[in-house]
Structure formats: structure tokens, C-alpha cells
């Protein structure tokens, strides 16, 4: 049985001004950011596999463009440039 010290303290103490819907909405945004970071890393760290996969060319390009557009909105242009290089290699 775990004792009280085994639990993480998230310092989460909602008060009267706490908005649960805003909290949940923010969690979703952070989760999407984390997911896109993982997808980005997977594409860049396995570029050869992505370029030469058996997936249909248009599906690959569409998926990578979706990730690129996400990072473009965040103005993370270094990531966009790397994704664009992968896109260009697929188009060859």
C-alpha cells in the first residue's frame, strides 16, 4: 500500500475562479503539442523510412504538410524547414 509521500503533488488547488472547461481545453492543446512533437521527431529521426515507405505518396505528403502547418502556426520555422526538405525529397 502506498503512503501519502508516494503521490505526486501537482499543487492543484482550484478556487472559486477556477474554470474547469478552460483547464480541460488547455490540456487538449498541450496534448496536441506533445503529439505533434512526437510525430515531428519520428519523421525527422526516420527520414529514410518515411521517404521510402510503402504509403501512398499523396497520403504521406498530406500528413507531413499537416504537421508543417501546425508548426508554421507556432512560428517554429526551423522545424518547418526540416519538414519541407522531407516533402521535397518525397516529391522527387
PDB file of N, CA and C in Angstrom:
ATOM      1  N   UNK A   1       0.843  -1.186   0.000  1.00  0.00           N
ATOM      2  CA  UNK A   1       0.000   0.000   0.000  1.00  0.00           C
ATOM      3  C   UNK A   1       0.885   1.245   0.000  1.00  0.00           C
ATOM      4  N   UNK A   2       0.587   2.206  -0.869  1.00  0.00           N
ATOM      5  CA  UNK A   2       1.379   3.424  -0.977  1.00  0.00           C
ATOM      6  C   UNK A   2       1.036   4.369   0.154  1.00  0.00           C
ATOM      7  N   UNK A   3       2.082   5.050   0.644  1.00  0.00           N
ATOM      8  CA  UNK A   3       1.786   6.046   1.659  1.00  0.00           C
ATOM      9  C   UNK A   3       1.614   7.415   1.006  1.00  0.00           C
ATOM     10  N   UNK A   4       1.270   8.384   1.789  1.00  0.00           N
ATOM     11  CA  UNK A   4       0.931   9.707   1.278  1.00  0.00           C
ATOM     12  C   UNK A   4       2.090  10.353   0.517  1.00  0.00           C
ATOM     13  N   UNK A   5       3.342  10.061   0.889  1.00  0.00           N
ATOM     14  CA  UNK A   5       4.505  10.658   0.241  1.00  0.00           C
ATOM     15  C   UNK A   5       4.737  10.109  -1.162  1.00  0.00           C
ATOM     16  N   UNK A   6       4.116   8.983  -1.532  1.00  0.00           N
ATOM     17  CA  UNK A   6       4.296   8.387  -2.845  1.00  0.00           C
ATOM     18  C   UNK A   6       3.502   9.099  -3.933  1.00  0.00           C
ATOM     19  N   UNK A   7       2.558   9.929  -3.569  1.00  0.00           N
ATOM     20  CA  UNK A   7       1.729  10.613  -4.551  1.00  0.00           C
ATOM     21  C   UNK A   7       2.394  11.908  -4.989  1.00  0.00           C
ATOM     22  N   UNK A   8       2.244  12.222  -6.284  1.00  0.00           N
ATOM     23  CA  UNK A   8       2.804  13.465  -6.801  1.00  0.00           C
ATOM     24  C   UNK A   8       1.972  14.637  -6.324  1.00  0.00           C
ATOM     25  N   UNK A   9       2.639  15.723  -6.049  1.00  0.00           N
ATOM     26  CA  UNK A   9       1.960  16.940  -5.656  1.00  0.00           C
ATOM     27  C   UNK A   9       1.945  17.875  -6.850  1.00  0.00           C
ATOM     28  N   UNK A  10       0.794  18.045  -7.444  1.00  0.00           N
ATOM     29  CA  UNK A  10       0.671  18.900  -8.611  1.00  0.00           C
ATOM     30  C   UNK A  10       0.347  20.345  -8.221  1.00  0.00           C
ATOM     31  N   UNK A  11       0.290  20.617  -6.943  1.00  0.00           N
ATOM     32  CA  UNK A  11      -0.043  21.947  -6.451  1.00  0.00           C
ATOM     33  C   UNK A  11      -1.287  22.478  -7.144  1.00  0.00           C
ATOM     34  N   UNK A  12      -2.283  21.651  -7.205  1.00  0.00           N
ATOM     35  CA  UNK A  12      -3.537  21.977  -7.876  1.00  0.00           C
ATOM     36  C   UNK A  12      -4.590  22.210  -6.826  1.00  0.00           C
ATOM     37  N   UNK A  13      -4.934  23.456  -6.636  1.00  0.00           N
ATOM     38  CA  UNK A  13      -5.940  23.815  -5.652  1.00  0.00           C
ATOM     39  C   UNK A  13      -6.930  24.777  -6.292  1.00  0.00           C
ATOM     40  N   UNK A  14      -7.989  24.254  -6.910  1.00  0.00           N
ATOM     41  CA  UNK A  14      -8.963  25.147  -7.544  1.00  0.00           C
ATOM     42  C   UNK A  14      -9.653  26.041  -6.527  1.00  0.00           C
ATOM     43  N   UNK A  15      -9.895  27.259  -6.952  1.00  0.00           N
ATOM     44  CA  UNK A  15     -10.633  28.180  -6.098  1.00  0.00           C
ATOM     45  C   UNK A  15     -11.930  28.573  -6.799  1.00  0.00           C
ATOM     46  N   UNK A  16     -12.593  29.584  -6.295  1.00  0.00           N
ATOM     47  CA  UNK A  16     -13.884  29.989  -6.864  1.00  0.00           C
ATOM     48  C   UNK A  16     -13.769  30.493  -8.303  1.00  0.00           C
ATOM     49  N   UNK A  17     -12.591  30.968  -8.706  1.00  0.00           N
ATOM     50  CA  UNK A  17     -12.429  31.495 -10.060  1.00  0.00           C
ATOM     51  C   UNK A  17     -11.968  30.426 -11.051  1.00  0.00           C
ATOM     52  N   UNK A  18     -11.766  29.208 -10.586  1.00  0.00           N
ATOM     53  CA  UNK A  18     -11.273  28.125 -11.439  1.00  0.00           C
ATOM     54  C   UNK A  18     -12.315  27.718 -12.458  1.00  0.00           C
ATOM     55  N   UNK A  19     -11.904  27.623 -13.699  1.00  0.00           N
ATOM     56  CA  UNK A  19     -12.797  27.270 -14.802  1.00  0.00           C
ATOM     57  C   UNK A  19     -12.395  25.891 -15.317  1.00  0.00           C
ATOM     58  N   UNK A  20     -13.162  24.884 -14.987  1.00  0.00           N
ATOM     59  CA  UNK A  20     -12.803  23.508 -15.359  1.00  0.00           C
ATOM     60  C   UNK A  20     -12.765  23.317 -16.865  1.00  0.00           C
ATOM     61  N   UNK A  21     -13.659  23.970 -17.607  1.00  0.00           N
ATOM     62  CA  UNK A  21     -13.681  23.812 -19.064  1.00  0.00           C
ATOM     63  C   UNK A  21     -12.421  24.417 -19.695  1.00  0.00           C
ATOM     64  N   UNK A  22     -11.989  25.548 -19.186  1.00  0.00           N
ATOM     65  CA  UNK A  22     -10.754  26.161 -19.691  1.00  0.00           C
ATOM     66  C   UNK A  22      -9.563  25.257 -19.385  1.00  0.00           C
ATOM     67  N   UNK A  23      -9.548  24.676 -18.190  1.00  0.00           N
ATOM     68  CA  UNK A  23      -8.468  23.770 -17.796  1.00  0.00           C
ATOM     69  C   UNK A  23      -8.406  22.577 -18.741  1.00  0.00           C
ATOM     70  N   UNK A  24      -9.540  21.955 -19.027  1.00  0.00           N
ATOM     71  CA  UNK A  24      -9.605  20.808 -19.924  1.00  0.00           C
ATOM     72  C   UNK A  24      -9.198  21.220 -21.336  1.00  0.00           C
ATOM     73  N   UNK A  25      -9.648  22.367 -21.784  1.00  0.00           N
ATOM     74  CA  UNK A  25      -9.294  22.869 -23.108  1.00  0.00           C
ATOM     75  C   UNK A  25      -7.785  23.073 -23.222  1.00  0.00           C
ATOM     76  N   UNK A  26      -7.177  23.648 -22.217  1.00  0.00           N
ATOM     77  CA  UNK A  26      -5.730  23.853 -22.217  1.00  0.00           C
ATOM     78  C   UNK A  26      -4.988  22.525 -22.224  1.00  0.00           C
ATOM     79  N   UNK A  27      -5.512  21.552 -21.513  1.00  0.00           N
ATOM     80  CA  UNK A  27      -4.890  20.215 -21.509  1.00  0.00           C
ATOM     81  C   UNK A  27      -4.885  19.650 -22.922  1.00  0.00           C
ATOM     82  N   UNK A  28      -5.978  19.812 -23.643  1.00  0.00           N
ATOM     83  CA  UNK A  28      -6.062  19.318 -25.009  1.00  0.00           C
ATOM     84  C   UNK A  28      -5.028  19.971 -25.897  1.00  0.00           C
ATOM     85  N   UNK A  29      -4.825  21.260 -25.742  1.00  0.00           N
ATOM     86  CA  UNK A  29      -3.821  21.973 -26.527  1.00  0.00           C
ATOM     87  C   UNK A  29      -2.432  21.478 -26.234  1.00  0.00           C
ATOM     88  N   UNK A  30      -2.129  21.253 -24.982  1.00  0.00           N
ATOM     89  CA  UNK A  30      -0.802  20.741 -24.613  1.00  0.00           C
ATOM     90  C   UNK A  30      -0.619  19.325 -25.133  1.00  0.00           C
ATOM     91  N   UNK A  31      -1.677  18.528 -25.091  1.00  0.00           N
ATOM     92  CA  UNK A  31      -1.588  17.158 -25.594  1.00  0.00           C
ATOM     93  C   UNK A  31      -1.335  17.159 -27.097  1.00  0.00           C
ATOM     94  N   UNK A  32      -1.979  18.055 -27.815  1.00  0.00           N
ATOM     95  CA  UNK A  32      -1.775  18.143 -29.264  1.00  0.00           C
ATOM     96  C   UNK A  32      -0.345  18.566 -29.568  1.00  0.00           C
ATOM     97  N   UNK A  33       0.168  19.517 -28.809  1.00  0.00           N
ATOM     98  CA  UNK A  33       1.552  19.960 -28.988  1.00  0.00           C
ATOM     99  C   UNK A  33       2.509  18.795 -28.764  1.00  0.00           C
ATOM    100  N   UNK A  34       2.275  18.034 -27.702  1.00  0.00           N
ATOM    101  CA  UNK A  34       3.138  16.886 -27.416  1.00  0.00           C
ATOM    102  C   UNK A  34       3.041  15.857 -28.532  1.00  0.00           C
ATOM    103  N   UNK A  35       1.841  15.589 -29.017  1.00  0.00           N
ATOM    104  CA  UNK A  35       1.658  14.623 -30.094  1.00  0.00           C
ATOM    105  C   UNK A  35       2.385  15.075 -31.353  1.00  0.00           C
ATOM    106  N   UNK A  36       2.250  16.346 -31.712  1.00  0.00           N
ATOM    107  CA  UNK A  36       2.907  16.859 -32.910  1.00  0.00           C
ATOM    108  C   UNK A  36       4.430  16.834 -32.759  1.00  0.00           C
ATOM    109  N   UNK A  37       4.920  17.089 -31.562  1.00  0.00           N
ATOM    110  CA  UNK A  37       6.361  16.990 -31.324  1.00  0.00           C
ATOM    111  C   UNK A  37       6.856  15.564 -31.540  1.00  0.00           C
ATOM    112  N   UNK A  38       6.075  14.592 -31.097  1.00  0.00           N
ATOM    113  CA  UNK A  38       6.446  13.182 -31.285  1.00  0.00           C
ATOM    114  C   UNK A  38       6.406  12.822 -32.766  1.00  0.00           C
ATOM    115  N   UNK A  39       5.364  13.247 -33.474  1.00  0.00           N
ATOM    116  CA  UNK A  39       5.254  12.968 -34.909  1.00  0.00           C
ATOM    117  C   UNK A  39       6.412  13.620 -35.658  1.00  0.00           C
ATOM    118  N   UNK A  40       6.699  14.867 -35.329  1.00  0.00           N
ATOM    119  CA  UNK A  40       7.816  15.578 -35.956  1.00  0.00           C
ATOM    120  C   UNK A  40       9.125  14.808 -35.746  1.00  0.00           C
ATOM    121  N   UNK A  41       9.395  14.432 -34.511  1.00  0.00           N
ATOM    122  CA  UNK A  41      10.628  13.690 -34.213  1.00  0.00           C
ATOM    123  C   UNK A  41      10.685  12.375 -34.968  1.00  0.00           C
ATOM    124  N   UNK A  42       9.555  11.705 -35.067  1.00  0.00           N
ATOM    125  CA  UNK A  42       9.506  10.435 -35.801  1.00  0.00           C
ATOM    126  C   UNK A  42       9.834  10.639 -37.280  1.00  0.00           C
ATOM    127  N   UNK A  43       9.315  11.700 -37.864  1.00  0.00           N
ATOM    128  CA  UNK A  43       9.583  11.980 -39.278  1.00  0.00           C
ATOM    129  C   UNK A  43      11.057  12.306 -39.482  1.00  0.00           C
ATOM    130  N   UNK A  44      11.597  13.186 -38.668  1.00  0.00           N
ATOM    131  CA  UNK A  44      12.970  13.650 -38.844  1.00  0.00           C
ATOM    132  C   UNK A  44      13.977  12.556 -38.492  1.00  0.00           C
ATOM    133  N   UNK A  45      13.716  11.822 -37.425  1.00  0.00           N
ATOM    134  CA  UNK A  45      14.660  10.782 -36.994  1.00  0.00           C
ATOM    135  C   UNK A  45      14.590   9.514 -37.830  1.00  0.00           C
ATOM    136  N   UNK A  46      13.543   9.365 -38.640  1.00  0.00           N
ATOM    137  CA  UNK A  46      13.402   8.202 -39.512  1.00  0.00           C
ATOM    138  C   UNK A  46      13.071   8.681 -40.929  1.00  0.00           C
ATOM    139  N   UNK A  47      13.814   9.680 -41.361  1.00  0.00           N
ATOM    140  CA  UNK A  47      13.539  10.304 -42.648  1.00  0.00           C
ATOM    141  C   UNK A  47      13.564   9.290 -43.795  1.00  0.00           C
ATOM    142  N   UNK A  48      14.561   8.428 -43.814  1.00  0.00           N
ATOM    143  CA  UNK A  48      14.666   7.434 -44.886  1.00  0.00           C
ATOM    144  C   UNK A  48      13.417   6.549 -44.917  1.00  0.00           C
ATOM    145  N   UNK A  49      13.002   6.076 -43.757  1.00  0.00           N
ATOM    146  CA  UNK A  49      11.821   5.224 -43.675  1.00  0.00           C
ATOM    147  C   UNK A  49      10.557   5.941 -44.117  1.00  0.00           C
ATOM    148  N   UNK A  50      10.453   7.203 -43.788  1.00  0.00           N
ATOM    149  CA  UNK A  50       9.292   7.993 -44.192  1.00  0.00           C
ATOM    150  C   UNK A  50       9.282   8.174 -45.704  1.00  0.00           C
ATOM    151  N   UNK A  51      10.418   8.552 -46.260  1.00  0.00           N
ATOM    152  CA  UNK A  51      10.512   8.819 -47.695  1.00  0.00           C
ATOM    153  C   UNK A  51      10.254   7.555 -48.510  1.00  0.00           C
ATOM    154  N   UNK A  52      10.780   6.437 -48.052  1.00  0.00           N
ATOM    155  CA  UNK A  52      10.707   5.198 -48.829  1.00  0.00           C
ATOM    156  C   UNK A  52       9.630   4.230 -48.342  1.00  0.00           C
ATOM    157  N   UNK A  53       8.737   4.691 -47.486  1.00  0.00           N
ATOM    158  CA  UNK A  53       7.672   3.804 -47.004  1.00  0.00           C
ATOM    159  C   UNK A  53       6.731   3.451 -48.152  1.00  0.00           C
ATOM    160  N   UNK A  54       5.954   2.419 -47.948  1.00  0.00           N
ATOM    161  CA  UNK A  54       5.021   1.961 -48.980  1.00  0.00           C
ATOM    162  C   UNK A  54       3.706   2.747 -48.982  1.00  0.00           C
ATOM    163  N   UNK A  55       3.587   3.696 -48.072  1.00  0.00           N
ATOM    164  CA  UNK A  55       2.377   4.525 -48.039  1.00  0.00           C
ATOM    165  C   UNK A  55       2.241   5.298 -49.342  1.00  0.00           C
ATOM    166  N   UNK A  56       0.996   5.567 -49.707  1.00  0.00           N
ATOM    167  CA  UNK A  56       0.763   6.341 -50.927  1.00  0.00           C
ATOM    168  C   UNK A  56       1.400   7.723 -50.791  1.00  0.00           C
ATOM    169  N   UNK A  57       2.021   8.149 -51.859  1.00  0.00           N
ATOM    170  CA  UNK A  57       2.753   9.416 -51.889  1.00  0.00           C
ATOM    171  C   UNK A  57       1.870  10.585 -51.426  1.00  0.00           C
ATOM    172  N   UNK A  58       0.653  10.668 -51.960  1.00  0.00           N
ATOM    173  CA  UNK A  58      -0.235  11.782 -51.607  1.00  0.00           C
ATOM    174  C   UNK A  58      -0.605  11.768 -50.127  1.00  0.00           C
ATOM    175  N   UNK A  59      -0.778  10.583 -49.550  1.00  0.00           N
ATOM    176  CA  UNK A  59      -1.106  10.490 -48.125  1.00  0.00           C
ATOM    177  C   UNK A  59       0.071  10.943 -47.269  1.00  0.00           C
ATOM    178  N   UNK A  60       1.287  10.523 -47.653  1.00  0.00           N
ATOM    179  CA  UNK A  60       2.482  10.947 -46.914  1.00  0.00           C
ATOM    180  C   UNK A  60       2.624  12.461 -46.964  1.00  0.00           C
ATOM    181  N   UNK A  61       2.495  12.994 -48.182  1.00  0.00           N
ATOM    182  CA  UNK A  61       2.658  14.439 -48.343  1.00  0.00           C
ATOM    183  C   UNK A  61       1.608  15.203 -47.552  1.00  0.00           C
ATOM    184  N   UNK A  62       0.379  14.748 -47.590  1.00  0.00           N
ATOM    185  CA  UNK A  62      -0.694  15.405 -46.844  1.00  0.00           C
ATOM    186  C   UNK A  62      -0.452  15.380 -45.341  1.00  0.00           C
ATOM    187  N   UNK A  63      -0.008  14.241 -44.849  1.00  0.00           N
ATOM    188  CA  UNK A  63       0.241  14.112 -43.411  1.00  0.00           C
ATOM    189  C   UNK A  63       1.384  15.022 -42.964  1.00  0.00           C
ATOM    190  N   UNK A  64       2.451  15.038 -43.736  1.00  0.00           N
ATOM    191  CA  UNK A  64       3.592  15.878 -43.369  1.00  0.00           C
ATOM    192  C   UNK A  64       3.236  17.354 -43.503  1.00  0.00           C
ATOM    193  N   UNK A  65       2.449  17.697 -44.521  1.00  0.00           N
ATOM    194  CA  UNK A  65       2.002  19.088 -44.670  1.00  0.00           C
ATOM    195  C   UNK A  65       1.159  19.520 -43.466  1.00  0.00           C
ATOM    196  N   UNK A  66       0.354  18.613 -42.952  1.00  0.00           N
ATOM    197  CA  UNK A  66      -0.468  18.911 -41.773  1.00  0.00           C
ATOM    198  C   UNK A  66       0.432  19.255 -40.582  1.00  0.00           C
ATOM    199  N   UNK A  67       1.485  18.479 -40.398  1.00  0.00           N
ATOM    200  CA  UNK A  67       2.422  18.726 -39.299  1.00  0.00           C
ATOM    201  C   UNK A  67       3.152  20.051 -39.535  1.00  0.00           C
ATOM    202  N   UNK A  68       3.586  20.276 -40.774  1.00  0.00           N
ATOM    203  CA  UNK A  68       4.278  21.518 -41.118  1.00  0.00           C
ATOM    204  C   UNK A  68       3.390  22.726 -40.822  1.00  0.00           C
ATOM    205  N   UNK A  69       2.138  22.675 -41.203  1.00  0.00           N
ATOM    206  CA  UNK A  69       1.212  23.788 -40.971  1.00  0.00           C
ATOM    207  C   UNK A  69       1.005  24.039 -39.478  1.00  0.00           C
ATOM    208  N   UNK A  70       0.996  22.970 -38.694  1.00  0.00           N
ATOM    209  CA  UNK A  70       0.868  23.121 -37.241  1.00  0.00           C
ATOM    210  C   UNK A  70       2.034  23.933 -36.694  1.00  0.00           C
ATOM    211  N   UNK A  71       3.248  23.569 -37.093  1.00  0.00           N
ATOM    212  CA  UNK A  71       4.422  24.276 -36.586  1.00  0.00           C
ATOM    213  C   UNK A  71       4.563  25.662 -37.202  1.00  0.00           C
ATOM    214  N   UNK A  72       4.039  25.846 -38.389  1.00  0.00           N
ATOM    215  CA  UNK A  72       4.034  27.167 -39.012  1.00  0.00           C
ATOM    216  C   UNK A  72       3.182  28.126 -38.175  1.00  0.00           C
ATOM    217  N   UNK A  73       2.039  27.663 -37.685  1.00  0.00           N
ATOM    218  CA  UNK A  73       1.173  28.486 -36.833  1.00  0.00           C
ATOM    219  C   UNK A  73       1.879  28.888 -35.541  1.00  0.00           C
ATOM    220  N   UNK A  74       2.764  28.022 -35.062  1.00  0.00           N
ATOM    221  CA  UNK A  74       3.520  28.310 -33.833  1.00  0.00           C
ATOM    222  C   UNK A  74       4.794  29.101 -34.121  1.00  0.00           C
ATOM    223  N   UNK A  75       5.030  29.381 -35.395  1.00  0.00           N
ATOM    224  CA  UNK A  75       6.223  30.093 -35.852  1.00  0.00           C
ATOM    225  C   UNK A  75       7.506  29.356 -35.491  1.00  0.00           C
ATOM    226  N   UNK A  76       7.464  28.033 -35.557  1.00  0.00           N
ATOM    227  CA  UNK A  76       8.648  27.201 -35.340  1.00  0.00           C
ATOM    228  C   UNK A  76       9.222  26.855 -36.719  1.00  0.00           C
ATOM    229  N   UNK A  77       9.855  27.870 -37.309  1.00  0.00           N
ATOM    230  CA  UNK A  77      10.252  27.785 -38.702  1.00  0.00           C
ATOM    231  C   UNK A  77      11.412  26.821 -38.962  1.00  0.00           C
ATOM    232  N   UNK A  78      12.232  26.557 -37.970  1.00  0.00           N
ATOM    233  CA  UNK A  78      13.304  25.574 -38.153  1.00  0.00           C
ATOM    234  C   UNK A  78      12.704  24.185 -38.387  1.00  0.00           C
ATOM    235  N   UNK A  79      11.681  23.855 -37.621  1.00  0.00           N
ATOM    236  CA  UNK A  79      11.002  22.575 -37.821  1.00  0.00           C
ATOM    237  C   UNK A  79      10.323  22.548 -39.185  1.00  0.00           C
ATOM    238  N   UNK A  80       9.724  23.669 -39.579  1.00  0.00           N
ATOM    239  CA  UNK A  80       9.063  23.750 -40.885  1.00  0.00           C
ATOM    240  C   UNK A  80      10.063  23.505 -42.008  1.00  0.00           C
ATOM    241  N   UNK A  81      11.246  24.083 -41.897  1.00  0.00           N
ATOM    242  CA  UNK A  81      12.267  23.922 -42.933  1.00  0.00           C
ATOM    243  C   UNK A  81      12.688  22.460 -43.056  1.00  0.00           C
ATOM    244  N   UNK A  82      12.852  21.785 -41.933  1.00  0.00           N
ATOM    245  CA  UNK A  82      13.238  20.368 -41.969  1.00  0.00           C
ATOM    246  C   UNK A  82      12.129  19.514 -42.578  1.00  0.00           C
ATOM    247  N   UNK A  83      10.887  19.812 -42.226  1.00  0.00           N
ATOM    248  CA  UNK A  83       9.763  19.075 -42.802  1.00  0.00           C
ATOM    249  C   UNK A  83       9.655  19.345 -44.301  1.00  0.00           C
ATOM    250  N   UNK A  84       9.907  20.572 -44.697  1.00  0.00           N
ATOM    251  CA  UNK A  84       9.850  20.937 -46.117  1.00  0.00           C
ATOM    252  C   UNK A  84      10.901  20.165 -46.908  1.00  0.00           C
ATOM    253  N   UNK A  85      12.084  19.970 -46.341  1.00  0.00           N
ATOM    254  CA  UNK A  85      13.128  19.179 -47.025  1.00  0.00           C
ATOM    255  C   UNK A  85      12.670  17.734 -47.235  1.00  0.00           C
ATOM    256  N   UNK A  86      11.985  17.177 -46.251  1.00  0.00           N
ATOM    257  CA  UNK A  86      11.468  15.813 -46.392  1.00  0.00           C
ATOM    258  C   UNK A  86      10.403  15.788 -47.486  1.00  0.00           C
ATOM    259  N   UNK A  87       9.530  16.764 -47.488  1.00  0.00           N
ATOM    260  CA  UNK A  87       8.488  16.853 -48.519  1.00  0.00           C
ATOM    261  C   UNK A  87       9.114  16.921 -49.905  1.00  0.00           C
ATOM    262  N   UNK A  88      10.133  17.757 -50.066  1.00  0.00           N
ATOM    263  CA  UNK A  88      10.797  17.892 -51.359  1.00  0.00           C
ATOM    264  C   UNK A  88      11.430  16.582 -51.810  1.00  0.00           C
ATOM    265  N   UNK A  89      11.977  15.825 -50.864  1.00  0.00           N
ATOM    266  CA  UNK A  89      12.583  14.524 -51.223  1.00  0.00           C
ATOM    267  C   UNK A  89      11.522  13.524 -51.655  1.00  0.00           C
ATOM    268  N   UNK A  90      10.359  13.582 -51.051  1.00  0.00           N
ATOM    269  CA  UNK A  90       9.270  12.679 -51.431  1.00  0.00           C
ATOM    270  C   UNK A  90       8.770  13.032 -52.826  1.00  0.00           C
ATOM    271  N   UNK A  91       8.744  14.317 -53.151  1.00  0.00           N
ATOM    272  CA  UNK A  91       8.232  14.767 -54.433  1.00  0.00           C
ATOM    273  C   UNK A  91       9.163  14.429 -55.596  1.00  0.00           C
ATOM    274  N   UNK A  92      10.422  14.143 -55.331  1.00  0.00           N
ATOM    275  CA  UNK A  92      11.376  13.835 -56.420  1.00  0.00           C
ATOM    276  C   UNK A  92      11.001  12.598 -57.164  1.00  0.00           C
TER     277      UNK A  92
END
